[in-house]
Amino acid sequence: MGLPIIEAINIIECTRENEKRNVLCLGKQLLGYLVGDLLDSKKKYNHNVNLDFFTNLDRKQKLDQEIFFKSIGYENIDTLDFDDYEGANIIFDLNDEKTPSNLLDKYDLIYDGGTLEHVFNISNALKHLTRMTKVNGLIFHSNPCNGYIDHGFFQISPTLYFDYYLANEYNVLYASIIEKTIGAKILSVKQDLYRTLDMNYGPKSSPKGVLNFCVQKSKKNNPIIIPQQGYYISVWKNVNQNFYNVEKRFEFSNFSFVRRLFKFWISLPYYLIEKIKSIK
């Protein structure tokens, strides 16, 4: 579990206007960088997110989850894990059926920095997060979606979160894939990538991608709705798939020229294959 710089920047912007009392981290989050590294990200990634929360700290101070979340305004930081080997103060298995009563409607933010892909019963895990979040609270996921074979049980596609959270009337604040093959680039997600953009979108555009997804709870979910996949709903109703309404969009990247060369090299075989197929 971790909170890399790009995810940290996204959290700062997504939570800017929300109440900040209680935050829950799924697992102890490792940051591994200094205050100065975070402040320098404005130049490195060419972004405009406000980082004034950290300007009064020593640039050489190493960030951890406690310092990070308290710096941006949160009062209480809890850590939930299956075991206490990393010092979690809440021990709970997200595979279980019943959500602990003392965690219901408690959190203004739940941060999943790479946990749900390791939970076999991911449906139960999503239900727990839904029940633990306050109305108007946020859930922020950061999980592998491509190029992380055997990292966990799953690589998570955007459609899982879109279909689950929209069925339960959450507002989607942010949805993007961070392409990490060379440096980092943000790929915004507002549609079914596989069917409405390109069936080869994953290997061509994001050989090594991490899905960042932030939603806001609009009402108490009772009961929780189990979704059908949006594509098949459109087929059954004989309608086109809609674009998703995503409220926030961030733009930043580095190594742009090298990345363009890499994408050309990756895309060339697919282009040649299509040309060969088109020869009658």
C-alpha atoms as a PDB file:
ATOM      1  CA  MET A   1       0.000   0.000   0.000  1.00  0.00           C
ATOM      2  CA  GLY A   2       1.260   3.431  -0.846  1.00  0.00           C
ATOM      3  CA  LEU A   3       0.538   7.079  -1.504  1.00  0.00           C
ATOM      4  CA  PRO A   4       2.769   8.181  -4.405  1.00  0.00           C
ATOM      5  CA  ILE A   5       3.117  11.838  -5.323  1.00  0.00           C
ATOM      6  CA  ILE A   6       0.564  11.823  -8.168  1.00  0.00           C
ATOM      7  CA  GLU A   7      -2.074  10.150  -5.988  1.00  0.00           C
ATOM      8  CA  ALA A   8      -1.284  12.650  -3.220  1.00  0.00           C
ATOM      9  CA  ILE A   9      -1.844  15.549  -5.624  1.00  0.00           C
ATOM     10  CA  ASN A  10      -5.149  14.061  -6.773  1.00  0.00           C
ATOM     11  CA  ILE A  11      -6.350  13.585  -3.182  1.00  0.00           C
ATOM     12  CA  ILE A  12      -5.483  17.191  -2.303  1.00  0.00           C
ATOM     13  CA  GLU A  13      -7.579  18.506  -5.186  1.00  0.00           C
ATOM     14  CA  CYS A  14     -10.490  16.076  -4.749  1.00  0.00           C
ATOM     15  CA  THR A  15     -10.838  16.815  -1.014  1.00  0.00           C
ATOM     16  CA  ARG A  16     -10.283  20.573  -1.210  1.00  0.00           C
ATOM     17  CA  GLU A  17     -13.900  21.572  -0.476  1.00  0.00           C
ATOM     18  CA  ASN A  18     -14.958  18.699   1.781  1.00  0.00           C
ATOM     19  CA  GLU A  19     -15.299  18.263   5.535  1.00  0.00           C
ATOM     20  CA  LYS A  20     -12.090  16.889   7.035  1.00  0.00           C
ATOM     21  CA  ARG A  21     -12.538  15.139  10.350  1.00  0.00           C
ATOM     22  CA  ASN A  22     -11.987  11.399   9.961  1.00  0.00           C
ATOM     23  CA  VAL A  23      -9.955   9.596   7.305  1.00  0.00           C
ATOM     24  CA  LEU A  24      -9.526   5.816   6.979  1.00  0.00           C
ATOM     25  CA  CYS A  25      -6.537   4.304   5.179  1.00  0.00           C
ATOM     26  CA  LEU A  26      -6.844   0.714   4.012  1.00  0.00           C
ATOM     27  CA  GLY A  27      -3.453  -0.501   5.179  1.00  0.00           C
ATOM     28  CA  LYS A  28      -0.534   1.624   6.322  1.00  0.00           C
ATOM     29  CA  GLN A  29       0.368   3.951   3.467  1.00  0.00           C
ATOM     30  CA  LEU A  30       4.029   4.306   2.520  1.00  0.00           C
ATOM     31  CA  LEU A  31       4.995   7.642   0.943  1.00  0.00           C
ATOM     32  CA  GLY A  32       8.765   7.393   0.531  1.00  0.00           C
ATOM     33  CA  TYR A  33       9.415  11.012  -0.453  1.00  0.00           C
ATOM     34  CA  LEU A  34      10.196  14.336   1.172  1.00  0.00           C
ATOM     35  CA  VAL A  35       8.136  17.510   1.538  1.00  0.00           C
ATOM     36  CA  GLY A  36      10.444  19.096  -1.028  1.00  0.00           C
ATOM     37  CA  ASP A  37       9.718  16.327  -3.548  1.00  0.00           C
ATOM     38  CA  LEU A  38       5.995  17.017  -3.258  1.00  0.00           C
ATOM     39  CA  LEU A  39       6.464  20.776  -3.633  1.00  0.00           C
ATOM     40  CA  ASP A  40       8.776  20.282  -6.636  1.00  0.00           C
ATOM     41  CA  SER A  41       6.097  18.176  -8.366  1.00  0.00           C
ATOM     42  CA  LYS A  42       4.520  21.384  -9.701  1.00  0.00           C
ATOM     43  CA  LYS A  43       7.518  21.826 -11.953  1.00  0.00           C
ATOM     44  CA  LYS A  44       8.200  18.141 -12.597  1.00  0.00           C
ATOM     45  CA  TYR A  45       4.649  17.309 -13.711  1.00  0.00           C
ATOM     46  CA  ASN A  46       3.525  20.799 -14.826  1.00  0.00           C
ATOM     47  CA  HIS A  47       0.399  20.879 -12.646  1.00  0.00           C
ATOM     48  CA  ASN A  48      -1.443  23.718 -10.891  1.00  0.00           C
ATOM     49  CA  VAL A  49      -2.766  22.001  -7.757  1.00  0.00           C
ATOM     50  CA  ASN A  50      -2.360  24.183  -4.646  1.00  0.00           C
ATOM     51  CA  LEU A  51       0.280  22.730  -2.294  1.00  0.00           C
ATOM     52  CA  ASP A  52       0.360  25.582   0.223  1.00  0.00           C
ATOM     53  CA  PHE A  53      -0.487  23.100   3.019  1.00  0.00           C
ATOM     54  CA  PHE A  54       3.155  21.990   2.981  1.00  0.00           C
ATOM     55  CA  THR A  55       5.079  25.248   2.561  1.00  0.00           C
ATOM     56  CA  ASN A  56       5.541  25.692   6.331  1.00  0.00           C
ATOM     57  CA  LEU A  57       7.136  22.252   6.721  1.00  0.00           C
ATOM     58  CA  ASP A  58      10.847  21.495   6.427  1.00  0.00           C
ATOM     59  CA  ARG A  59      11.545  20.545   2.799  1.00  0.00           C
ATOM     60  CA  LYS A  60      13.825  17.754   4.047  1.00  0.00           C
ATOM     61  CA  GLN A  61      11.140  16.206   6.247  1.00  0.00           C
ATOM     62  CA  LYS A  62      10.047  12.724   5.158  1.00  0.00           C
ATOM     63  CA  LEU A  63       6.298  12.471   4.677  1.00  0.00           C
ATOM     64  CA  ASP A  64       4.172   9.705   6.152  1.00  0.00           C
ATOM     65  CA  GLN A  65       0.409   9.198   6.117  1.00  0.00           C
ATOM     66  CA  GLU A  66      -0.089  10.970   9.447  1.00  0.00           C
ATOM     67  CA  ILE A  67       1.822  14.103   8.405  1.00  0.00           C
ATOM     68  CA  PHE A  68       0.248  14.160   4.955  1.00  0.00           C
ATOM     69  CA  PHE A  69      -3.402  13.890   5.993  1.00  0.00           C
ATOM     70  CA  LYS A  70      -3.049  16.212   8.987  1.00  0.00           C
ATOM     71  CA  SER A  71      -1.270  18.777   6.802  1.00  0.00           C
ATOM     72  CA  ILE A  72      -4.228  18.920   4.410  1.00  0.00           C
ATOM     73  CA  GLY A  73      -6.679  19.308   7.294  1.00  0.00           C
ATOM     74  CA  TYR A  74      -7.813  15.918   8.614  1.00  0.00           C
ATOM     75  CA  GLU A  75      -8.100  15.582  12.389  1.00  0.00           C
ATOM     76  CA  ASN A  76      -8.133  11.800  12.913  1.00  0.00           C
ATOM     77  CA  ILE A  77      -6.353   9.159  10.831  1.00  0.00           C
ATOM     78  CA  ASP A  78      -7.281   5.477  11.224  1.00  0.00           C
ATOM     79  CA  THR A  79      -5.640   2.486   9.556  1.00  0.00           C
ATOM     80  CA  LEU A  80      -7.591  -0.693   8.798  1.00  0.00           C
ATOM     81  CA  ASP A  81      -5.876  -3.977   8.013  1.00  0.00           C
ATOM     82  CA  PHE A  82      -6.316  -7.744   8.287  1.00  0.00           C
ATOM     83  CA  ASP A  83      -3.399  -7.873  10.747  1.00  0.00           C
ATOM     84  CA  ASP A  84      -1.583  -5.434  13.023  1.00  0.00           C
ATOM     85  CA  TYR A  85       1.873  -6.178  11.552  1.00  0.00           C
ATOM     86  CA  GLU A  86       2.175  -2.584  10.287  1.00  0.00           C
ATOM     87  CA  GLY A  87       0.532  -0.977  13.296  1.00  0.00           C
ATOM     88  CA  ALA A  88      -3.091  -0.740  12.096  1.00  0.00           C
ATOM     89  CA  ASN A  89      -5.457   0.389  14.852  1.00  0.00           C
ATOM     90  CA  ILE A  90      -8.510  -1.310  13.270  1.00  0.00           C
ATOM     91  CA  ILE A  91      -8.234  -5.043  12.596  1.00  0.00           C
ATOM     92  CA  PHE A  92     -10.891  -6.250  10.174  1.00  0.00           C
ATOM     93  CA  ASP A  93     -11.101  -8.590   7.186  1.00  0.00           C
ATOM     94  CA  LEU A  94     -12.808  -6.859   4.253  1.00  0.00           C
ATOM     95  CA  ASN A  95     -13.870 -10.312   3.010  1.00  0.00           C
ATOM     96  CA  ASP A  96     -16.285 -10.612   5.954  1.00  0.00           C
ATOM     97  CA  GLU A  97     -20.018 -10.119   5.516  1.00  0.00           C
ATOM     98  CA  LYS A  98     -20.886  -7.746   8.372  1.00  0.00           C
ATOM     99  CA  THR A  99     -19.525  -4.210   8.712  1.00  0.00           C
ATOM    100  CA  PRO A 100     -18.464  -3.364  12.310  1.00  0.00           C
ATOM    101  CA  SER A 101     -21.194  -1.156  13.819  1.00  0.00           C
ATOM    102  CA  ASN A 102     -18.667   1.341  15.245  1.00  0.00           C
ATOM    103  CA  LEU A 103     -17.415   2.124  11.708  1.00  0.00           C
ATOM    104  CA  LEU A 104     -20.791   2.851  10.103  1.00  0.00           C
ATOM    105  CA  ASP A 105     -21.188   6.344   8.594  1.00  0.00           C
ATOM    106  CA  LYS A 106     -17.933   7.468  10.205  1.00  0.00           C
ATOM    107  CA  TYR A 107     -15.469   8.641   7.579  1.00  0.00           C
ATOM    108  CA  ASP A 108     -15.147  11.814   5.523  1.00  0.00           C
ATOM    109  CA  LEU A 109     -12.546  10.062   3.351  1.00  0.00           C
ATOM    110  CA  ILE A 110     -11.566   6.441   2.798  1.00  0.00           C
ATOM    111  CA  TYR A 111      -8.315   5.943   0.916  1.00  0.00           C
ATOM    112  CA  ASP A 112      -7.689   2.637  -0.855  1.00  0.00           C
ATOM    113  CA  GLY A 113      -4.061   2.922  -1.891  1.00  0.00           C
ATOM    114  CA  GLY A 114      -3.799  -0.550  -3.394  1.00  0.00           C
ATOM    115  CA  THR A 115      -5.866  -2.839  -1.169  1.00  0.00           C
ATOM    116  CA  LEU A 116      -9.001  -3.940  -3.003  1.00  0.00           C
ATOM    117  CA  GLU A 117      -7.060  -5.866  -5.646  1.00  0.00           C
ATOM    118  CA  HIS A 118      -5.851  -8.131  -2.801  1.00  0.00           C
ATOM    119  CA  VAL A 119      -9.328  -8.797  -1.360  1.00  0.00           C
ATOM    120  CA  PHE A 120     -10.867 -11.972  -2.783  1.00  0.00           C
ATOM    121  CA  ASN A 121     -14.450 -10.964  -2.011  1.00  0.00           C
ATOM    122  CA  ILE A 122     -14.239  -7.537  -3.587  1.00  0.00           C
ATOM    123  CA  SER A 123     -18.037  -7.184  -3.539  1.00  0.00           C
ATOM    124  CA  ASN A 124     -18.084  -7.340   0.261  1.00  0.00           C
ATOM    125  CA  ALA A 125     -15.189  -4.879   0.430  1.00  0.00           C
ATOM    126  CA  LEU A 126     -17.064  -2.301  -1.669  1.00  0.00           C
ATOM    127  CA  LYS A 127     -20.149  -2.689   0.509  1.00  0.00           C
ATOM    128  CA  HIS A 128     -18.076  -2.067   3.650  1.00  0.00           C
ATOM    129  CA  LEU A 129     -16.589   1.124   2.206  1.00  0.00           C
ATOM    130  CA  THR A 130     -20.076   2.287   1.217  1.00  0.00           C
ATOM    131  CA  ARG A 131     -21.395   1.756   4.736  1.00  0.00           C
ATOM    132  CA  MET A 132     -18.367   3.311   6.453  1.00  0.00           C
ATOM    133  CA  THR A 133     -18.497   6.562   4.479  1.00  0.00           C
ATOM    134  CA  LYS A 134     -20.565   9.527   5.701  1.00  0.00           C
ATOM    135  CA  VAL A 135     -23.100  11.156   3.406  1.00  0.00           C
ATOM    136  CA  ASN A 136     -21.046  13.675   1.362  1.00  0.00           C
ATOM    137  CA  GLY A 137     -17.892  11.724   2.272  1.00  0.00           C
ATOM    138  CA  LEU A 138     -15.377  10.548  -0.323  1.00  0.00           C
ATOM    139  CA  ILE A 139     -13.866   7.225  -1.344  1.00  0.00           C
ATOM    140  CA  PHE A 140     -10.600   7.388  -3.276  1.00  0.00           C
ATOM    141  CA  HIS A 141      -9.280   4.241  -4.985  1.00  0.00           C
ATOM    142  CA  SER A 142      -5.829   3.747  -6.486  1.00  0.00           C
ATOM    143  CA  ASN A 143      -5.472   0.231  -7.925  1.00  0.00           C
ATOM    144  CA  PRO A 144      -3.624  -1.499 -10.764  1.00  0.00           C
ATOM    145  CA  CYS A 145      -5.681  -1.792 -13.944  1.00  0.00           C
ATOM    146  CA  ASN A 146      -3.130  -3.107 -16.452  1.00  0.00           C
ATOM    147  CA  GLY A 147       0.409  -4.508 -16.496  1.00  0.00           C
ATOM    148  CA  TYR A 148       0.494  -5.815 -12.918  1.00  0.00           C
ATOM    149  CA  ILE A 149      -0.013  -9.553 -13.446  1.00  0.00           C
ATOM    150  CA  ASP A 150       0.080 -11.485 -10.141  1.00  0.00           C
ATOM    151  CA  HIS A 151       0.369  -8.301  -8.088  1.00  0.00           C
ATOM    152  CA  GLY A 152      -2.993  -9.192  -6.533  1.00  0.00           C
ATOM    153  CA  PHE A 153      -6.110 -11.235  -7.243  1.00  0.00           C
ATOM    154  CA  PHE A 154      -7.426  -8.592  -9.655  1.00  0.00           C
ATOM    155  CA  GLN A 155      -6.541  -5.806 -12.042  1.00  0.00           C
ATOM    156  CA  ILE A 156      -9.440  -3.378 -11.788  1.00  0.00           C
ATOM    157  CA  SER A 157     -11.186  -1.864 -14.799  1.00  0.00           C
ATOM    158  CA  PRO A 158     -12.890   1.539 -14.575  1.00  0.00           C
ATOM    159  CA  THR A 159     -16.243  -0.062 -15.385  1.00  0.00           C
ATOM    160  CA  LEU A 160     -16.292  -1.820 -11.986  1.00  0.00           C
ATOM    161  CA  TYR A 161     -16.232   1.460 -10.085  1.00  0.00           C
ATOM    162  CA  PHE A 162     -18.398   3.389 -12.547  1.00  0.00           C
ATOM    163  CA  ASP A 163     -21.128   0.752 -12.565  1.00  0.00           C
ATOM    164  CA  TYR A 164     -21.073   0.082  -8.809  1.00  0.00           C
ATOM    165  CA  TYR A 165     -20.981   3.672  -7.622  1.00  0.00           C
ATOM    166  CA  LEU A 166     -23.403   5.066 -10.208  1.00  0.00           C
ATOM    167  CA  ALA A 167     -25.896   2.308  -9.369  1.00  0.00           C
ATOM    168  CA  ASN A 168     -25.679   3.508  -5.765  1.00  0.00           C
ATOM    169  CA  GLU A 169     -26.065   7.189  -6.759  1.00  0.00           C
ATOM    170  CA  TYR A 170     -22.559   8.384  -5.926  1.00  0.00           C
ATOM    171  CA  ASN A 171     -21.114  11.381  -7.751  1.00  0.00           C
ATOM    172  CA  VAL A 172     -17.948  10.585  -9.692  1.00  0.00           C
ATOM    173  CA  LEU A 173     -15.464  13.347  -8.920  1.00  0.00           C
ATOM    174  CA  TYR A 174     -12.433  11.949 -10.694  1.00  0.00           C
ATOM    175  CA  ALA A 175     -11.500   9.008 -12.926  1.00  0.00           C
ATOM    176  CA  SER A 176      -8.149   8.548 -14.619  1.00  0.00           C
ATOM    177  CA  ILE A 177      -5.488   6.019 -15.483  1.00  0.00           C
ATOM    178  CA  ILE A 178      -1.929   6.921 -14.555  1.00  0.00           C
ATOM    179  CA  GLU A 179       0.273   5.440 -17.268  1.00  0.00           C
ATOM    180  CA  LYS A 180       3.576   4.563 -15.554  1.00  0.00           C
ATOM    181  CA  THR A 181       5.577   2.740 -18.235  1.00  0.00           C
ATOM    182  CA  ILE A 182       7.854   5.769 -18.741  1.00  0.00           C
ATOM    183  CA  GLY A 183       7.504   8.539 -16.194  1.00  0.00           C
ATOM    184  CA  ALA A 184       3.828   9.299 -15.662  1.00  0.00           C
ATOM    185  CA  LYS A 185       0.927  10.569 -17.736  1.00  0.00           C
ATOM    186  CA  ILE A 186      -2.716  11.079 -16.765  1.00  0.00           C
ATOM    187  CA  LEU A 187      -5.297   9.493 -19.085  1.00  0.00           C
ATOM    188  CA  SER A 188      -8.788  10.748 -18.252  1.00  0.00           C
ATOM    189  CA  VAL A 189     -11.622   8.214 -18.353  1.00  0.00           C
ATOM    190  CA  LYS A 190     -15.161   9.234 -19.334  1.00  0.00           C
ATOM    191  CA  GLN A 191     -16.356   6.285 -21.409  1.00  0.00           C
ATOM    192  CA  ASP A 192     -16.169   2.530 -21.907  1.00  0.00           C
ATOM    193  CA  LEU A 193     -12.572   2.294 -23.133  1.00  0.00           C
ATOM    194  CA  TYR A 194     -12.811  -1.254 -24.495  1.00  0.00           C
ATOM    195  CA  ARG A 195     -15.935  -0.805 -26.632  1.00  0.00           C
ATOM    196  CA  THR A 196     -16.210   2.889 -27.470  1.00  0.00           C
ATOM    197  CA  LEU A 197     -12.533   3.783 -27.923  1.00  0.00           C
ATOM    198  CA  ASP A 198     -10.361   0.784 -28.778  1.00  0.00           C
ATOM    199  CA  MET A 199     -10.429  -2.915 -27.865  1.00  0.00           C
ATOM    200  CA  ASN A 200      -6.624  -2.696 -27.601  1.00  0.00           C
ATOM    201  CA  TYR A 201      -6.667   0.465 -25.481  1.00  0.00           C
ATOM    202  CA  GLY A 202      -4.905  -1.224 -22.550  1.00  0.00           C
ATOM    203  CA  PRO A 203      -1.732  -2.550 -24.226  1.00  0.00           C
ATOM    204  CA  LYS A 204      -1.505   0.363 -26.694  1.00  0.00           C
ATOM    205  CA  SER A 205      -2.210   3.336 -24.418  1.00  0.00           C
ATOM    206  CA  SER A 206      -1.436   2.079 -20.925  1.00  0.00           C
ATOM    207  CA  PRO A 207       0.813  -0.990 -20.773  1.00  0.00           C
ATOM    208  CA  LYS A 208       1.363  -0.258 -17.060  1.00  0.00           C
ATOM    209  CA  GLY A 209      -1.588   1.627 -15.664  1.00  0.00           C
ATOM    210  CA  VAL A 210      -2.961   2.517 -12.237  1.00  0.00           C
ATOM    211  CA  LEU A 211      -6.614   3.497 -11.920  1.00  0.00           C
ATOM    212  CA  ASN A 212      -7.337   6.525  -9.719  1.00  0.00           C
ATOM    213  CA  PHE A 213     -11.028   6.911  -8.929  1.00  0.00           C
ATOM    214  CA  CYS A 214     -12.763   9.265  -6.494  1.00  0.00           C
ATOM    215  CA  VAL A 215     -16.479   9.318  -5.648  1.00  0.00           C
ATOM    216  CA  GLN A 216     -18.721  11.249  -3.262  1.00  0.00           C
ATOM    217  CA  LYS A 217     -21.598   9.640  -1.369  1.00  0.00           C
ATOM    218  CA  SER A 218     -24.863  11.479  -2.044  1.00  0.00           C
ATOM    219  CA  LYS A 219     -27.200   9.577   0.280  1.00  0.00           C
ATOM    220  CA  LYS A 220     -27.369   6.712   2.754  1.00  0.00           C
ATOM    221  CA  ASN A 221     -27.398   3.468   0.752  1.00  0.00           C
ATOM    222  CA  ASN A 222     -29.972   1.093   2.177  1.00  0.00           C
ATOM    223  CA  PRO A 223     -30.099  -1.356   0.554  1.00  0.00           C
ATOM    224  CA  ILE A 224     -26.858  -1.361  -1.445  1.00  0.00           C
ATOM    225  CA  ILE A 225     -27.499  -1.989  -5.142  1.00  0.00           C
ATOM    226  CA  ILE A 226     -25.557  -4.756  -6.906  1.00  0.00           C
ATOM    227  CA  PRO A 227     -24.927  -3.480 -10.453  1.00  0.00           C
ATOM    228  CA  GLN A 228     -25.051  -5.096 -13.847  1.00  0.00           C
ATOM    229  CA  GLN A 229     -22.289  -4.119 -16.254  1.00  0.00           C
ATOM    230  CA  GLY A 230     -23.220  -0.904 -18.035  1.00  0.00           C
ATOM    231  CA  TYR A 231     -22.412  -2.239 -21.488  1.00  0.00           C
ATOM    232  CA  TYR A 232     -24.886  -5.103 -21.198  1.00  0.00           C
ATOM    233  CA  ILE A 233     -27.594  -2.829 -19.802  1.00  0.00           C
ATOM    234  CA  SER A 234     -27.231  -0.730 -22.975  1.00  0.00           C
ATOM    235  CA  VAL A 235     -27.481  -3.896 -25.113  1.00  0.00           C
ATOM    236  CA  TRP A 236     -30.602  -5.132 -23.311  1.00  0.00           C
ATOM    237  CA  LYS A 237     -32.239  -1.707 -23.680  1.00  0.00           C
ATOM    238  CA  ASN A 238     -31.006  -1.310 -27.273  1.00  0.00           C
ATOM    239  CA  VAL A 239     -29.425   2.088 -26.555  1.00  0.00           C
ATOM    240  CA  ASN A 240     -25.933   3.518 -26.895  1.00  0.00           C
ATOM    241  CA  GLN A 241     -23.685   3.653 -23.853  1.00  0.00           C
ATOM    242  CA  ASN A 242     -23.600   7.088 -22.304  1.00  0.00           C
ATOM    243  CA  PHE A 243     -20.472   9.026 -21.467  1.00  0.00           C
ATOM    244  CA  TYR A 244     -19.809   9.212 -17.744  1.00  0.00           C
ATOM    245  CA  ASN A 245     -20.178  12.500 -15.893  1.00  0.00           C
ATOM    246  CA  VAL A 246     -16.803  13.095 -14.195  1.00  0.00           C
ATOM    247  CA  GLU A 247     -16.506  16.401 -12.342  1.00  0.00           C
ATOM    248  CA  LYS A 248     -12.740  16.944 -12.032  1.00  0.00           C
ATOM    249  CA  ARG A 249      -9.927  16.648 -14.544  1.00  0.00           C
ATOM    250  CA  PHE A 250      -6.178  17.043 -13.960  1.00  0.00           C
ATOM    251  CA  GLU A 251      -3.518  17.335 -16.624  1.00  0.00           C
ATOM    252  CA  PHE A 252       0.114  16.529 -15.948  1.00  0.00           C
ATOM    253  CA  SER A 253       2.858  14.346 -17.340  1.00  0.00           C
ATOM    254  CA  ASN A 254       6.616  14.153 -17.922  1.00  0.00           C
ATOM    255  CA  PHE A 255       8.981  12.620 -20.496  1.00  0.00           C
ATOM    256  CA  SER A 256       6.456  13.538 -23.188  1.00  0.00           C
ATOM    257  CA  PHE A 257       8.712  13.034 -26.228  1.00  0.00           C
ATOM    258  CA  VAL A 258      10.007   9.648 -25.083  1.00  0.00           C
ATOM    259  CA  ARG A 259       6.458   8.580 -24.278  1.00  0.00           C
ATOM    260  CA  ARG A 260       5.282   9.479 -27.799  1.00  0.00           C
ATOM    261  CA  LEU A 261       8.049   7.388 -29.319  1.00  0.00           C
ATOM    262  CA  PHE A 262       7.157   4.490 -27.038  1.00  0.00           C
ATOM    263  CA  LYS A 263       3.462   4.691 -27.933  1.00  0.00           C
ATOM    264  CA  PHE A 264       4.326   4.701 -31.645  1.00  0.00           C
ATOM    265  CA  TRP A 265       6.459   1.582 -31.184  1.00  0.00           C
ATOM    266  CA  ILE A 266       3.746  -0.179 -29.186  1.00  0.00           C
ATOM    267  CA  SER A 267       0.960   0.781 -31.636  1.00  0.00           C
ATOM    268  CA  LEU A 268       2.821  -0.126 -34.828  1.00  0.00           C
ATOM    269  CA  PRO A 269       2.161  -3.917 -34.687  1.00  0.00           C
ATOM    270  CA  TYR A 270      -1.575  -3.328 -34.154  1.00  0.00           C
ATOM    271  CA  TYR A 271      -1.646  -0.943 -37.115  1.00  0.00           C
ATOM    272  CA  LEU A 272       0.165  -3.459 -39.346  1.00  0.00           C
ATOM    273  CA  ILE A 273      -2.152  -6.285 -38.271  1.00  0.00           C
ATOM    274  CA  GLU A 274      -5.238  -4.209 -39.167  1.00  0.00           C
ATOM    275  CA  LYS A 275      -3.726  -3.360 -42.552  1.00  0.00           C
ATOM    276  CA  ILE A 276      -3.034  -7.032 -43.276  1.00  0.00           C
ATOM    277  CA  LYS A 277      -6.576  -7.977 -42.258  1.00  0.00           C
ATOM    278  CA  SER A 278      -8.002  -5.341 -44.610  1.00  0.00           C
ATOM    279  CA  ILE A 279      -6.241  -6.866 -47.654  1.00  0.00           C
ATOM    280  CA  LYS A 280      -8.785  -8.833 -49.589  1.00  0.00           C
END
